[in-house]
Amino acid sequence: MAGKSGLSGKGISGFKISRLSKTNPPKPVVAKGGAEDYAAGNLSLYPPTPATGIRHSKTTGSPGTETMSRTYRIAGIQTDIQFGQIQQNLEMIIAHIRQLAGKGVFLVIFPECSLTGYCCQSSEEGLSIALERNSPPVESVAAAARENKVHTVVGFLERDGTRLYNTAALLNADGTKHFYRKVHLPKLGADQFTVCGDEYPIFELDGLRVGLNICYDCSFPEPARVMALRGVDLIVLPTNWPPGASTTADFIPNARALENNIYFAAINRTGDERGFHFIGKSRICHPDGHTLCEANHDQKAVLIAEIDPAIARNKHLVRVPGKHEIHRFNDRRPETYSAIVERQTHG
């Protein structure tokens, strides 16, 4: 496989790389976990081949001004995180950034709270391990992203004065930094003590429009739809899914991708932390809802996929020309959705 992909190199032990599949309709590439790592030369890609029977635009721009679209290689790191061991987590993150830089990866995604850990038991404990946005660990990841020219999404507990947030940082290859604060907060781990965010920003990375959610955010369809209506190509979801979230992991990423015709990358952690086991099951989904690449297990893995924003931007899907065509946005009836924005309290 390495000979076919042309990708190899020294690696981080314990990580399995997803393999190339050439089936059509496509089967997901599965990263099985185990002893193989980067050094085995198994780093392969999944090309963004549309499913049979659906036509997708391959160009962008208005008629007469079309330009061929660019594809982007993205990676997700399904890995264990050590609670409060920021230096250890930092070293792991930087090692992956350096390894993937040599593989042509444009964007790498780490799990929720990957710098700090998640399962704190009080607000005071959370604040004691939380990081400010300009703290040395965050700056170190930003420096690695800049030096290796790899856009990087990394999660951490953020301290802002006396407030605690569950935050994902998008650290760009050009040195700029963006941040997203988790909006929907379950009664679980650090989220029992964090303050919710209040916006869904979209960031453009060399032509790729990226939005961020964190974990429980994906259980609500509205954030993804808001970002899709604003033009997002890819939603990135760093997450910490425990066993009770297995159904979410199995179905929600694909549903969010399908209903909005966008790419969706859900990257979960592995391991155990303070009585909670984390189930992995990371996946990257195509705009037509199928799984491009997955790690359908609770072991360490690296997921790789090639994505094409032109596919996500074409909301007009033609299955049988003139007989079976749908438009993901133009067919909406927002005048019938008013109940969605009404605040209601249920028992």
C-alpha atoms as a PDB file:
ATOM      1  CA  MET A   1       0.000   0.000   0.000  1.00  0.00           C
ATOM      2  CA  ALA A   2       2.845   2.367   0.727  1.00  0.00           C
ATOM      3  CA  GLY A   3       4.105   1.880  -2.768  1.00  0.00           C
ATOM      4  CA  LYS A   4       0.745   2.941  -4.153  1.00  0.00           C
ATOM      5  CA  SER A   5       0.335   5.975  -1.991  1.00  0.00           C
ATOM      6  CA  GLY A   6       3.952   7.046  -2.044  1.00  0.00           C
ATOM      7  CA  LEU A   7       3.759   7.941   1.615  1.00  0.00           C
ATOM      8  CA  SER A   8       5.964   6.578   4.340  1.00  0.00           C
ATOM      9  CA  GLY A   9       8.196   7.651   7.188  1.00  0.00           C
ATOM     10  CA  LYS A  10       8.993   7.189  10.853  1.00  0.00           C
ATOM     11  CA  GLY A  11       6.033   7.282  13.124  1.00  0.00           C
ATOM     12  CA  ILE A  12       4.424   7.259  16.523  1.00  0.00           C
ATOM     13  CA  SER A  13       3.897   3.746  17.846  1.00  0.00           C
ATOM     14  CA  GLY A  14       0.444   2.390  18.491  1.00  0.00           C
ATOM     15  CA  PHE A  15      -1.291   4.211  15.644  1.00  0.00           C
ATOM     16  CA  LYS A  16      -2.904   2.497  12.673  1.00  0.00           C
ATOM     17  CA  ILE A  17      -3.413   4.503   9.507  1.00  0.00           C
ATOM     18  CA  SER A  18      -6.586   4.160   7.454  1.00  0.00           C
ATOM     19  CA  ARG A  19      -6.190   2.288   4.196  1.00  0.00           C
ATOM     20  CA  LEU A  20      -7.167   3.168   0.668  1.00  0.00           C
ATOM     21  CA  SER A  21     -10.348   1.732  -0.786  1.00  0.00           C
ATOM     22  CA  LYS A  22     -11.330   1.927  -4.435  1.00  0.00           C
ATOM     23  CA  THR A  23     -14.869   0.578  -4.321  1.00  0.00           C
ATOM     24  CA  ASN A  24     -17.791   2.482  -5.856  1.00  0.00           C
ATOM     25  CA  PRO A  25     -20.190   2.921  -4.138  1.00  0.00           C
ATOM     26  CA  PRO A  26     -17.431   3.435  -1.616  1.00  0.00           C
ATOM     27  CA  LYS A  27     -16.907   1.443   1.502  1.00  0.00           C
ATOM     28  CA  PRO A  28     -15.399   3.347   4.426  1.00  0.00           C
ATOM     29  CA  VAL A  29     -11.699   3.071   5.024  1.00  0.00           C
ATOM     30  CA  VAL A  30     -11.283   1.478   8.442  1.00  0.00           C
ATOM     31  CA  ALA A  31      -8.386   2.252  10.777  1.00  0.00           C
ATOM     32  CA  LYS A  32      -8.289  -0.881  12.925  1.00  0.00           C
ATOM     33  CA  GLY A  33      -5.780   0.136  15.580  1.00  0.00           C
ATOM     34  CA  GLY A  34      -2.882  -1.920  16.865  1.00  0.00           C
ATOM     35  CA  ALA A  35       0.881  -1.982  16.547  1.00  0.00           C
ATOM     36  CA  GLU A  36       1.297  -0.624  13.024  1.00  0.00           C
ATOM     37  CA  ASP A  37       2.276   3.010  12.830  1.00  0.00           C
ATOM     38  CA  TYR A  38       3.621   5.606  10.439  1.00  0.00           C
ATOM     39  CA  ALA A  39       6.844   3.629  10.057  1.00  0.00           C
ATOM     40  CA  ALA A  40       4.919   0.763   8.472  1.00  0.00           C
ATOM     41  CA  GLY A  41       4.292   2.964   5.461  1.00  0.00           C
ATOM     42  CA  ASN A  42       0.530   2.401   5.517  1.00  0.00           C
ATOM     43  CA  LEU A  43      -0.509   6.043   5.322  1.00  0.00           C
ATOM     44  CA  SER A  44      -3.111   6.134   2.586  1.00  0.00           C
ATOM     45  CA  LEU A  45      -5.851   8.439   1.411  1.00  0.00           C
ATOM     46  CA  TYR A  46      -9.507   8.168   0.673  1.00  0.00           C
ATOM     47  CA  PRO A  47     -10.330  10.079  -2.547  1.00  0.00           C
ATOM     48  CA  PRO A  48     -13.640  12.004  -2.533  1.00  0.00           C
ATOM     49  CA  THR A  49     -15.428   9.784  -5.031  1.00  0.00           C
ATOM     50  CA  PRO A  50     -19.186  10.482  -5.109  1.00  0.00           C
ATOM     51  CA  ALA A  51     -21.584   7.618  -4.605  1.00  0.00           C
ATOM     52  CA  THR A  52     -23.064   6.056  -7.714  1.00  0.00           C
ATOM     53  CA  GLY A  53     -26.116   7.840  -9.089  1.00  0.00           C
ATOM     54  CA  ILE A  54     -25.421  11.334  -7.746  1.00  0.00           C
ATOM     55  CA  ARG A  55     -23.874  14.024  -9.890  1.00  0.00           C
ATOM     56  CA  HIS A  56     -21.751  16.648  -8.181  1.00  0.00           C
ATOM     57  CA  SER A  57     -20.318  19.851  -9.560  1.00  0.00           C
ATOM     58  CA  LYS A  58     -16.548  19.836  -9.964  1.00  0.00           C
ATOM     59  CA  THR A  59     -16.220  23.563 -10.524  1.00  0.00           C
ATOM     60  CA  THR A  60     -16.817  26.749  -8.591  1.00  0.00           C
ATOM     61  CA  GLY A  61     -17.926  30.159  -9.762  1.00  0.00           C
ATOM     62  CA  SER A  62     -20.765  31.448 -11.922  1.00  0.00           C
ATOM     63  CA  PRO A  63     -21.400  30.073 -15.433  1.00  0.00           C
ATOM     64  CA  GLY A  64     -18.653  31.122 -17.775  1.00  0.00           C
ATOM     65  CA  THR A  65     -16.230  31.850 -14.933  1.00  0.00           C
ATOM     66  CA  GLU A  66     -15.827  28.342 -13.503  1.00  0.00           C
ATOM     67  CA  THR A  67     -12.489  27.289 -12.070  1.00  0.00           C
ATOM     68  CA  MET A  68     -11.456  23.793 -11.116  1.00  0.00           C
ATOM     69  CA  SER A  69     -11.705  23.171  -7.392  1.00  0.00           C
ATOM     70  CA  ARG A  70      -8.844  22.263  -5.097  1.00  0.00           C
ATOM     71  CA  THR A  71      -8.852  19.242  -2.815  1.00  0.00           C
ATOM     72  CA  TYR A  72      -7.571  19.227   0.766  1.00  0.00           C
ATOM     73  CA  ARG A  73      -6.062  16.397   2.777  1.00  0.00           C
ATOM     74  CA  ILE A  74      -7.326  16.319   6.366  1.00  0.00           C
ATOM     75  CA  ALA A  75      -6.363  14.072   9.276  1.00  0.00           C
ATOM     76  CA  GLY A  76      -7.996  13.122  12.574  1.00  0.00           C
ATOM     77  CA  ILE A  77      -6.035  11.779  15.545  1.00  0.00           C
ATOM     78  CA  GLN A  78      -7.978   9.300  17.678  1.00  0.00           C
ATOM     79  CA  THR A  79      -5.814   9.029  20.775  1.00  0.00           C
ATOM     80  CA  ASP A  80      -5.670   8.859  24.565  1.00  0.00           C
ATOM     81  CA  ILE A  81      -5.366  12.029  26.669  1.00  0.00           C
ATOM     82  CA  GLN A  82      -3.789  12.262  30.131  1.00  0.00           C
ATOM     83  CA  PHE A  83      -5.786  14.334  32.621  1.00  0.00           C
ATOM     84  CA  GLY A  84      -3.826  17.352  33.828  1.00  0.00           C
ATOM     85  CA  GLN A  85      -0.610  16.135  32.154  1.00  0.00           C
ATOM     86  CA  ILE A  86      -0.340  19.096  29.828  1.00  0.00           C
ATOM     87  CA  GLN A  87       3.308  18.658  28.882  1.00  0.00           C
ATOM     88  CA  GLN A  88       2.776  14.995  27.980  1.00  0.00           C
ATOM     89  CA  ASN A  89      -0.303  15.810  25.915  1.00  0.00           C
ATOM     90  CA  LEU A  90       1.533  18.692  24.248  1.00  0.00           C
ATOM     91  CA  GLU A  91       4.435  16.489  23.206  1.00  0.00           C
ATOM     92  CA  MET A  92       2.056  13.961  21.672  1.00  0.00           C
ATOM     93  CA  ILE A  93       0.214  16.665  19.724  1.00  0.00           C
ATOM     94  CA  ILE A  94       3.375  18.255  18.359  1.00  0.00           C
ATOM     95  CA  ALA A  95       4.790  14.858  17.371  1.00  0.00           C
ATOM     96  CA  HIS A  96       1.706  14.160  15.266  1.00  0.00           C
ATOM     97  CA  ILE A  97       1.824  17.583  13.625  1.00  0.00           C
ATOM     98  CA  ARG A  98       5.432  17.019  12.612  1.00  0.00           C
ATOM     99  CA  GLN A  99       4.741  13.523  11.274  1.00  0.00           C
ATOM    100  CA  LEU A 100       1.729  14.571   9.225  1.00  0.00           C
ATOM    101  CA  ALA A 101       3.430  17.637   7.781  1.00  0.00           C
ATOM    102  CA  GLY A 102       5.560  15.325   5.686  1.00  0.00           C
ATOM    103  CA  LYS A 103       2.483  13.521   4.381  1.00  0.00           C
ATOM    104  CA  GLY A 104       0.896  16.552   2.746  1.00  0.00           C
ATOM    105  CA  VAL A 105      -1.791  17.008   5.404  1.00  0.00           C
ATOM    106  CA  PHE A 106      -3.484  20.419   5.236  1.00  0.00           C
ATOM    107  CA  LEU A 107      -5.530  20.213   8.462  1.00  0.00           C
ATOM    108  CA  VAL A 108      -5.125  17.949  11.506  1.00  0.00           C
ATOM    109  CA  ILE A 109      -7.808  17.530  14.174  1.00  0.00           C
ATOM    110  CA  PHE A 110      -7.299  16.394  17.776  1.00  0.00           C
ATOM    111  CA  PRO A 111     -10.036  15.392  20.278  1.00  0.00           C
ATOM    112  CA  GLU A 112     -11.917  17.570  22.737  1.00  0.00           C
ATOM    113  CA  CYS A 113      -9.782  18.862  25.632  1.00  0.00           C
ATOM    114  CA  SER A 114      -6.738  17.149  24.140  1.00  0.00           C
ATOM    115  CA  LEU A 115      -4.311  19.488  25.899  1.00  0.00           C
ATOM    116  CA  THR A 116      -5.802  19.389  29.394  1.00  0.00           C
ATOM    117  CA  GLY A 117      -8.085  16.414  29.859  1.00  0.00           C
ATOM    118  CA  TYR A 118     -11.795  16.647  30.581  1.00  0.00           C
ATOM    119  CA  CYS A 119     -13.058  14.868  33.706  1.00  0.00           C
ATOM    120  CA  CYS A 120     -12.544  17.463  36.404  1.00  0.00           C
ATOM    121  CA  GLN A 121     -14.699  17.146  39.502  1.00  0.00           C
ATOM    122  CA  SER A 122     -15.119  20.778  40.477  1.00  0.00           C
ATOM    123  CA  SER A 123     -14.866  24.244  39.020  1.00  0.00           C
ATOM    124  CA  GLU A 124     -11.759  24.844  41.129  1.00  0.00           C
ATOM    125  CA  GLU A 125     -10.059  21.769  39.746  1.00  0.00           C
ATOM    126  CA  GLY A 126     -11.017  22.731  36.210  1.00  0.00           C
ATOM    127  CA  LEU A 127      -9.571  26.199  36.624  1.00  0.00           C
ATOM    128  CA  SER A 128      -6.394  24.725  38.097  1.00  0.00           C
ATOM    129  CA  ILE A 129      -5.572  22.865  34.854  1.00  0.00           C
ATOM    130  CA  ALA A 130      -7.214  25.289  32.428  1.00  0.00           C
ATOM    131  CA  LEU A 131      -5.139  27.370  30.018  1.00  0.00           C
ATOM    132  CA  GLU A 132      -5.450  30.922  28.815  1.00  0.00           C
ATOM    133  CA  ARG A 133      -5.542  31.494  25.064  1.00  0.00           C
ATOM    134  CA  ASN A 134      -2.044  32.945  25.032  1.00  0.00           C
ATOM    135  CA  SER A 135      -0.572  30.396  27.480  1.00  0.00           C
ATOM    136  CA  PRO A 136       2.733  28.676  26.609  1.00  0.00           C
ATOM    137  CA  PRO A 137       1.123  25.293  25.724  1.00  0.00           C
ATOM    138  CA  VAL A 138      -1.335  26.879  23.288  1.00  0.00           C
ATOM    139  CA  GLU A 139       1.449  29.026  21.836  1.00  0.00           C
ATOM    140  CA  SER A 140       3.607  25.918  21.454  1.00  0.00           C
ATOM    141  CA  VAL A 141       0.951  24.165  19.388  1.00  0.00           C
ATOM    142  CA  ALA A 142       0.472  27.349  17.350  1.00  0.00           C
ATOM    143  CA  ALA A 143       4.218  27.481  16.718  1.00  0.00           C
ATOM    144  CA  ALA A 144       4.247  23.839  15.586  1.00  0.00           C
ATOM    145  CA  ALA A 145       1.328  24.500  13.228  1.00  0.00           C
ATOM    146  CA  ARG A 146       3.120  27.531  11.787  1.00  0.00           C
ATOM    147  CA  GLU A 147       6.546  25.893  11.484  1.00  0.00           C
ATOM    148  CA  ASN A 148       5.135  22.749   9.860  1.00  0.00           C
ATOM    149  CA  LYS A 149       2.536  24.558   7.723  1.00  0.00           C
ATOM    150  CA  VAL A 150      -0.322  22.394   9.046  1.00  0.00           C
ATOM    151  CA  HIS A 151      -3.569  23.987  10.209  1.00  0.00           C
ATOM    152  CA  THR A 152      -4.383  22.419  13.589  1.00  0.00           C
ATOM    153  CA  VAL A 153      -7.525  22.029  15.720  1.00  0.00           C
ATOM    154  CA  VAL A 154      -6.824  21.271  19.378  1.00  0.00           C
ATOM    155  CA  GLY A 155      -9.140  21.302  22.402  1.00  0.00           C
ATOM    156  CA  PHE A 156      -8.521  22.556  25.934  1.00  0.00           C
ATOM    157  CA  LEU A 157     -10.208  23.863  29.053  1.00  0.00           C
ATOM    158  CA  GLU A 158      -9.906  27.628  28.789  1.00  0.00           C
ATOM    159  CA  ARG A 159      -9.538  29.981  31.741  1.00  0.00           C
ATOM    160  CA  ASP A 160     -10.807  33.533  31.213  1.00  0.00           C
ATOM    161  CA  GLY A 161     -10.607  35.322  34.552  1.00  0.00           C
ATOM    162  CA  THR A 162     -12.761  33.229  36.890  1.00  0.00           C
ATOM    163  CA  ARG A 163     -14.711  31.660  34.035  1.00  0.00           C
ATOM    164  CA  LEU A 164     -14.088  28.213  32.588  1.00  0.00           C
ATOM    165  CA  TYR A 165     -14.850  27.329  28.954  1.00  0.00           C
ATOM    166  CA  ASN A 166     -14.604  24.186  26.862  1.00  0.00           C
ATOM    167  CA  THR A 167     -12.702  25.549  23.871  1.00  0.00           C
ATOM    168  CA  ALA A 168     -11.345  24.400  20.533  1.00  0.00           C
ATOM    169  CA  ALA A 169      -8.531  26.379  18.953  1.00  0.00           C
ATOM    170  CA  LEU A 170      -7.967  26.550  15.212  1.00  0.00           C
ATOM    171  CA  LEU A 171      -4.275  27.365  14.900  1.00  0.00           C
ATOM    172  CA  ASN A 172      -3.445  28.321  11.342  1.00  0.00           C
ATOM    173  CA  ALA A 173      -0.361  27.594   9.298  1.00  0.00           C
ATOM    174  CA  ASP A 174       0.139  31.356   8.861  1.00  0.00           C
ATOM    175  CA  GLY A 175       0.285  31.926  12.633  1.00  0.00           C
ATOM    176  CA  THR A 176      -3.231  33.298  13.133  1.00  0.00           C
ATOM    177  CA  LYS A 177      -5.373  31.821  15.911  1.00  0.00           C
ATOM    178  CA  HIS A 178      -9.133  31.336  16.140  1.00  0.00           C
ATOM    179  CA  PHE A 179     -11.228  29.971  18.995  1.00  0.00           C
ATOM    180  CA  TYR A 180     -14.627  28.350  19.445  1.00  0.00           C
ATOM    181  CA  ARG A 181     -16.375  27.878  22.805  1.00  0.00           C
ATOM    182  CA  LYS A 182     -18.735  24.927  23.212  1.00  0.00           C
ATOM    183  CA  VAL A 183     -22.362  26.068  23.163  1.00  0.00           C
ATOM    184  CA  HIS A 184     -24.332  23.023  24.353  1.00  0.00           C
ATOM    185  CA  LEU A 185     -23.241  21.687  27.747  1.00  0.00           C
ATOM    186  CA  PRO A 186     -24.223  18.258  29.140  1.00  0.00           C
ATOM    187  CA  LYS A 187     -24.034  17.331  32.801  1.00  0.00           C
ATOM    188  CA  LEU A 188     -20.748  15.522  32.346  1.00  0.00           C
ATOM    189  CA  GLY A 189     -17.125  16.123  33.236  1.00  0.00           C
ATOM    190  CA  ALA A 190     -15.846  19.659  32.903  1.00  0.00           C
ATOM    191  CA  ASP A 191     -19.048  20.803  31.190  1.00  0.00           C
ATOM    192  CA  GLN A 192     -20.794  20.806  34.564  1.00  0.00           C
ATOM    193  CA  PHE A 193     -18.642  23.820  35.439  1.00  0.00           C
ATOM    194  CA  THR A 194     -18.083  25.619  32.131  1.00  0.00           C
ATOM    195  CA  VAL A 195     -19.820  28.651  30.658  1.00  0.00           C
ATOM    196  CA  CYS A 196     -21.479  28.155  27.278  1.00  0.00           C
ATOM    197  CA  GLY A 197     -20.358  29.899  24.116  1.00  0.00           C
ATOM    198  CA  ASP A 198     -22.782  31.845  21.950  1.00  0.00           C
ATOM    199  CA  GLU A 199     -21.702  31.812  18.297  1.00  0.00           C
ATOM    200  CA  TYR A 200     -20.790  29.591  15.340  1.00  0.00           C
ATOM    201  CA  PRO A 201     -17.962  31.292  13.455  1.00  0.00           C
ATOM    202  CA  ILE A 202     -16.657  30.086  10.096  1.00  0.00           C
ATOM    203  CA  PHE A 203     -13.002  30.418   9.140  1.00  0.00           C
ATOM    204  CA  GLU A 204     -11.535  30.336   5.647  1.00  0.00           C
ATOM    205  CA  LEU A 205      -8.289  28.418   5.266  1.00  0.00           C
ATOM    206  CA  ASP A 206      -6.788  28.903   1.811  1.00  0.00           C
ATOM    207  CA  GLY A 207     -10.193  28.548   0.197  1.00  0.00           C
ATOM    208  CA  LEU A 208     -11.625  25.890   2.551  1.00  0.00           C
ATOM    209  CA  ARG A 209     -14.429  27.149   4.823  1.00  0.00           C
ATOM    210  CA  VAL A 210     -14.235  25.449   8.220  1.00  0.00           C
ATOM    211  CA  GLY A 211     -16.648  25.561  11.159  1.00  0.00           C
ATOM    212  CA  LEU A 212     -16.187  24.167  14.661  1.00  0.00           C
ATOM    213  CA  ASN A 213     -18.482  22.351  17.071  1.00  0.00           C
ATOM    214  CA  ILE A 214     -17.547  20.347  20.164  1.00  0.00           C
ATOM    215  CA  CYS A 215     -19.012  16.982  21.201  1.00  0.00           C
ATOM    216  CA  TYR A 216     -22.615  17.510  22.444  1.00  0.00           C
ATOM    217  CA  ASP A 217     -23.092  20.386  19.983  1.00  0.00           C
ATOM    218  CA  CYS A 218     -23.616  17.833  17.208  1.00  0.00           C
ATOM    219  CA  SER A 219     -26.679  16.397  18.956  1.00  0.00           C
ATOM    220  CA  PHE A 220     -28.547  19.507  17.863  1.00  0.00           C
ATOM    221  CA  PRO A 221     -29.073  19.946  14.103  1.00  0.00           C
ATOM    222  CA  GLU A 222     -29.297  23.724  14.269  1.00  0.00           C
ATOM    223  CA  PRO A 223     -25.582  24.633  14.619  1.00  0.00           C
ATOM    224  CA  ALA A 224     -24.603  22.627  11.544  1.00  0.00           C
ATOM    225  CA  ARG A 225     -27.493  24.101   9.550  1.00  0.00           C
ATOM    226  CA  VAL A 226     -26.591  27.663  10.579  1.00  0.00           C
ATOM    227  CA  MET A 227     -22.994  27.156   9.456  1.00  0.00           C
ATOM    228  CA  ALA A 228     -24.065  25.391   6.257  1.00  0.00           C
ATOM    229  CA  LEU A 229     -26.351  28.284   5.334  1.00  0.00           C
ATOM    230  CA  ARG A 230     -23.379  30.596   5.852  1.00  0.00           C
ATOM    231  CA  GLY A 231     -21.294  28.581   3.406  1.00  0.00           C
ATOM    232  CA  VAL A 232     -19.246  26.143   5.487  1.00  0.00           C
ATOM    233  CA  ASP A 233     -17.565  23.272   3.594  1.00  0.00           C
ATOM    234  CA  LEU A 234     -16.360  21.230   6.568  1.00  0.00           C
ATOM    235  CA  ILE A 235     -17.511  21.034  10.181  1.00  0.00           C
ATOM    236  CA  VAL A 236     -14.896  19.777  12.617  1.00  0.00           C
ATOM    237  CA  LEU A 237     -16.102  18.112  15.832  1.00  0.00           C
ATOM    238  CA  PRO A 238     -13.493  17.356  18.501  1.00  0.00           C
ATOM    239  CA  THR A 239     -15.310  15.109  20.968  1.00  0.00           C
ATOM    240  CA  ASN A 240     -15.065  12.979  24.137  1.00  0.00           C
ATOM    241  CA  TRP A 241     -17.742  10.315  23.589  1.00  0.00           C
ATOM    242  CA  PRO A 242     -18.249   7.792  26.436  1.00  0.00           C
ATOM    243  CA  PRO A 243     -20.177   4.491  25.963  1.00  0.00           C
ATOM    244  CA  GLY A 244     -23.605   6.136  26.215  1.00  0.00           C
ATOM    245  CA  ALA A 245     -22.846   8.078  23.043  1.00  0.00           C
ATOM    246  CA  SER A 246     -22.252   5.105  20.749  1.00  0.00           C
ATOM    247  CA  THR A 247     -25.453   5.713  18.785  1.00  0.00           C
ATOM    248  CA  THR A 248     -24.486   9.355  18.337  1.00  0.00           C
ATOM    249  CA  ALA A 249     -21.096   8.292  17.024  1.00  0.00           C
ATOM    250  CA  ASP A 250     -22.653   5.765  14.636  1.00  0.00           C
ATOM    251  CA  PHE A 251     -25.266   7.999  13.045  1.00  0.00           C
ATOM    252  CA  ILE A 252     -25.088  11.729  13.817  1.00  0.00           C
ATOM    253  CA  PRO A 253     -21.919  12.684  11.857  1.00  0.00           C
ATOM    254  CA  ASN A 254     -23.345  11.095   8.712  1.00  0.00           C
ATOM    255  CA  ALA A 255     -26.729  12.738   9.246  1.00  0.00           C
ATOM    256  CA  ARG A 256     -25.210  16.214   9.691  1.00  0.00           C
ATOM    257  CA  ALA A 257     -23.143  15.724   6.542  1.00  0.00           C
ATOM    258  CA  LEU A 258     -26.095  14.448   4.512  1.00  0.00           C
ATOM    259  CA  GLU A 259     -28.747  16.960   5.547  1.00  0.00           C
ATOM    260  CA  ASN A 260     -26.435  19.913   4.828  1.00  0.00           C
ATOM    261  CA  ASN A 261     -24.378  18.440   1.964  1.00  0.00           C
ATOM    262  CA  ILE A 262     -21.114  19.217   3.757  1.00  0.00           C
ATOM    263  CA  TYR A 263     -18.089  17.301   5.036  1.00  0.00           C
ATOM    264  CA  PHE A 264     -18.188  16.397   8.728  1.00  0.00           C
ATOM    265  CA  ALA A 265     -15.185  15.184  10.741  1.00  0.00           C
ATOM    266  CA  ALA A 266     -15.896  13.802  14.240  1.00  0.00           C
ATOM    267  CA  ILE A 267     -12.686  12.979  16.108  1.00  0.00           C
ATOM    268  CA  ASN A 268     -13.047  11.221  19.462  1.00  0.00           C
ATOM    269  CA  ARG A 269     -10.514  10.143  22.062  1.00  0.00           C
ATOM    270  CA  THR A 270      -9.659   6.743  23.514  1.00  0.00           C
ATOM    271  CA  GLY A 271      -8.588   5.514  26.941  1.00  0.00           C
ATOM    272  CA  ASP A 272      -9.995   5.937  30.441  1.00  0.00           C
ATOM    273  CA  GLU A 273     -10.230   8.971  32.674  1.00  0.00           C
ATOM    274  CA  ARG A 274     -11.624   8.975  36.208  1.00  0.00           C
ATOM    275  CA  GLY A 275     -14.045   6.126  35.674  1.00  0.00           C
ATOM    276  CA  PHE A 276     -15.076   7.097  32.152  1.00  0.00           C
ATOM    277  CA  HIS A 277     -14.058   5.025  29.159  1.00  0.00           C
ATOM    278  CA  PHE A 278     -13.939   6.733  25.773  1.00  0.00           C
ATOM    279  CA  ILE A 279     -15.155   4.791  22.764  1.00  0.00           C
ATOM    280  CA  GLY A 280     -13.237   6.212  19.800  1.00  0.00           C
ATOM    281  CA  LYS A 281     -15.423   5.561  16.705  1.00  0.00           C
ATOM    282  CA  SER A 282     -14.078   8.650  14.929  1.00  0.00           C
ATOM    283  CA  ARG A 283     -15.147   9.206  11.338  1.00  0.00           C
ATOM    284  CA  ILE A 284     -14.963  11.606   8.418  1.00  0.00           C
ATOM    285  CA  CYS A 285     -18.147  11.847   6.361  1.00  0.00           C
ATOM    286  CA  HIS A 286     -18.839  12.813   2.748  1.00  0.00           C
ATOM    287  CA  PRO A 287     -21.548  15.376   1.828  1.00  0.00           C
ATOM    288  CA  ASP A 288     -23.789  12.585   0.543  1.00  0.00           C
ATOM    289  CA  GLY A 289     -23.750  11.020   4.022  1.00  0.00           C
ATOM    290  CA  HIS A 290     -21.510   8.030   3.528  1.00  0.00           C
ATOM    291  CA  THR A 291     -18.455   7.422   5.673  1.00  0.00           C
ATOM    292  CA  LEU A 292     -15.173   8.225   3.967  1.00  0.00           C
ATOM    293  CA  CYS A 293     -12.916   7.014   6.747  1.00  0.00           C
ATOM    294  CA  GLU A 294     -13.534   5.634  10.224  1.00  0.00           C
ATOM    295  CA  ALA A 295     -11.895   4.110  13.286  1.00  0.00           C
ATOM    296  CA  ASN A 296     -14.812   1.977  14.435  1.00  0.00           C
ATOM    297  CA  HIS A 297     -13.122   0.913  17.682  1.00  0.00           C
ATOM    298  CA  ASP A 298     -11.629   2.349  20.879  1.00  0.00           C
ATOM    299  CA  GLN A 299      -7.927   2.108  19.960  1.00  0.00           C
ATOM    300  CA  LYS A 300      -5.486   4.741  18.726  1.00  0.00           C
ATOM    301  CA  ALA A 301      -5.778   5.541  15.034  1.00  0.00           C
ATOM    302  CA  VAL A 302      -5.055   8.195  12.428  1.00  0.00           C
ATOM    303  CA  LEU A 303      -7.783   8.956   9.895  1.00  0.00           C
ATOM    304  CA  ILE A 304      -6.944  10.527   6.541  1.00  0.00           C
ATOM    305  CA  ALA A 305      -9.331  11.792   3.865  1.00  0.00           C
ATOM    306  CA  GLU A 306      -9.159  13.994   0.802  1.00  0.00           C
ATOM    307  CA  ILE A 307     -12.049  16.462   0.554  1.00  0.00           C
ATOM    308  CA  ASP A 308     -13.292  18.664  -2.278  1.00  0.00           C
ATOM    309  CA  PRO A 309     -15.204  21.832  -1.271  1.00  0.00           C
ATOM    310  CA  ALA A 310     -16.845  22.045  -4.712  1.00  0.00           C
ATOM    311  CA  ILE A 311     -18.872  18.951  -3.788  1.00  0.00           C
ATOM    312  CA  ALA A 312     -20.036  20.559  -0.540  1.00  0.00           C
ATOM    313  CA  ARG A 313     -20.955  23.815  -2.292  1.00  0.00           C
ATOM    314  CA  ASN A 314     -23.147  22.173  -4.907  1.00  0.00           C
ATOM    315  CA  LYS A 315     -26.484  21.801  -3.104  1.00  0.00           C
ATOM    316  CA  HIS A 316     -28.327  20.863  -6.318  1.00  0.00           C
ATOM    317  CA  LEU A 317     -28.172  17.079  -6.484  1.00  0.00           C
ATOM    318  CA  VAL A 318     -29.231  15.459  -9.752  1.00  0.00           C
ATOM    319  CA  ARG A 319     -30.036  11.754  -9.539  1.00  0.00           C
ATOM    320  CA  VAL A 320     -32.073  11.482 -12.762  1.00  0.00           C
ATOM    321  CA  PRO A 321     -31.867  14.683 -14.848  1.00  0.00           C
ATOM    322  CA  GLY A 322     -35.269  16.308 -15.109  1.00  0.00           C
ATOM    323  CA  LYS A 323     -36.937  13.519 -13.130  1.00  0.00           C
ATOM    324  CA  HIS A 324     -35.223  13.283  -9.748  1.00  0.00           C
ATOM    325  CA  GLU A 325     -33.456  16.406  -8.563  1.00  0.00           C
ATOM    326  CA  ILE A 326     -33.258  17.964  -5.096  1.00  0.00           C
ATOM    327  CA  HIS A 327     -31.727  21.139  -3.685  1.00  0.00           C
ATOM    328  CA  ARG A 328     -30.651  20.896  -0.067  1.00  0.00           C
ATOM    329  CA  PHE A 329     -31.295  24.606   0.572  1.00  0.00           C
ATOM    330  CA  ASN A 330     -33.751  25.882  -2.030  1.00  0.00           C
ATOM    331  CA  ASP A 331     -36.257  23.173  -1.081  1.00  0.00           C
ATOM    332  CA  ARG A 332     -36.384  24.336   2.536  1.00  0.00           C
ATOM    333  CA  ARG A 333     -39.585  25.875   3.985  1.00  0.00           C
ATOM    334  CA  PRO A 334     -38.261  28.052   6.839  1.00  0.00           C
ATOM    335  CA  GLU A 335     -41.663  29.711   7.321  1.00  0.00           C
ATOM    336  CA  THR A 336     -42.807  26.399   8.835  1.00  0.00           C
ATOM    337  CA  TYR A 337     -39.933  26.126  11.316  1.00  0.00           C
ATOM    338  CA  SER A 338     -40.802  28.897  13.789  1.00  0.00           C
ATOM    339  CA  ALA A 339     -41.096  26.545  16.766  1.00  0.00           C
ATOM    340  CA  ILE A 340     -37.365  25.818  16.521  1.00  0.00           C
ATOM    341  CA  VAL A 341     -36.416  29.294  17.723  1.00  0.00           C
ATOM    342  CA  GLU A 342     -38.979  29.457  20.537  1.00  0.00           C
ATOM    343  CA  ARG A 343     -37.517  28.958  24.010  1.00  0.00           C
ATOM    344  CA  GLN A 344     -39.322  26.081  25.697  1.00  0.00           C
ATOM    345  CA  THR A 345     -38.700  24.224  28.951  1.00  0.00           C
ATOM    346  CA  HIS A 346     -39.513  20.539  29.189  1.00  0.00           C
ATOM    347  CA  GLY A 347     -39.505  18.248  32.188  1.00  0.00           C
END
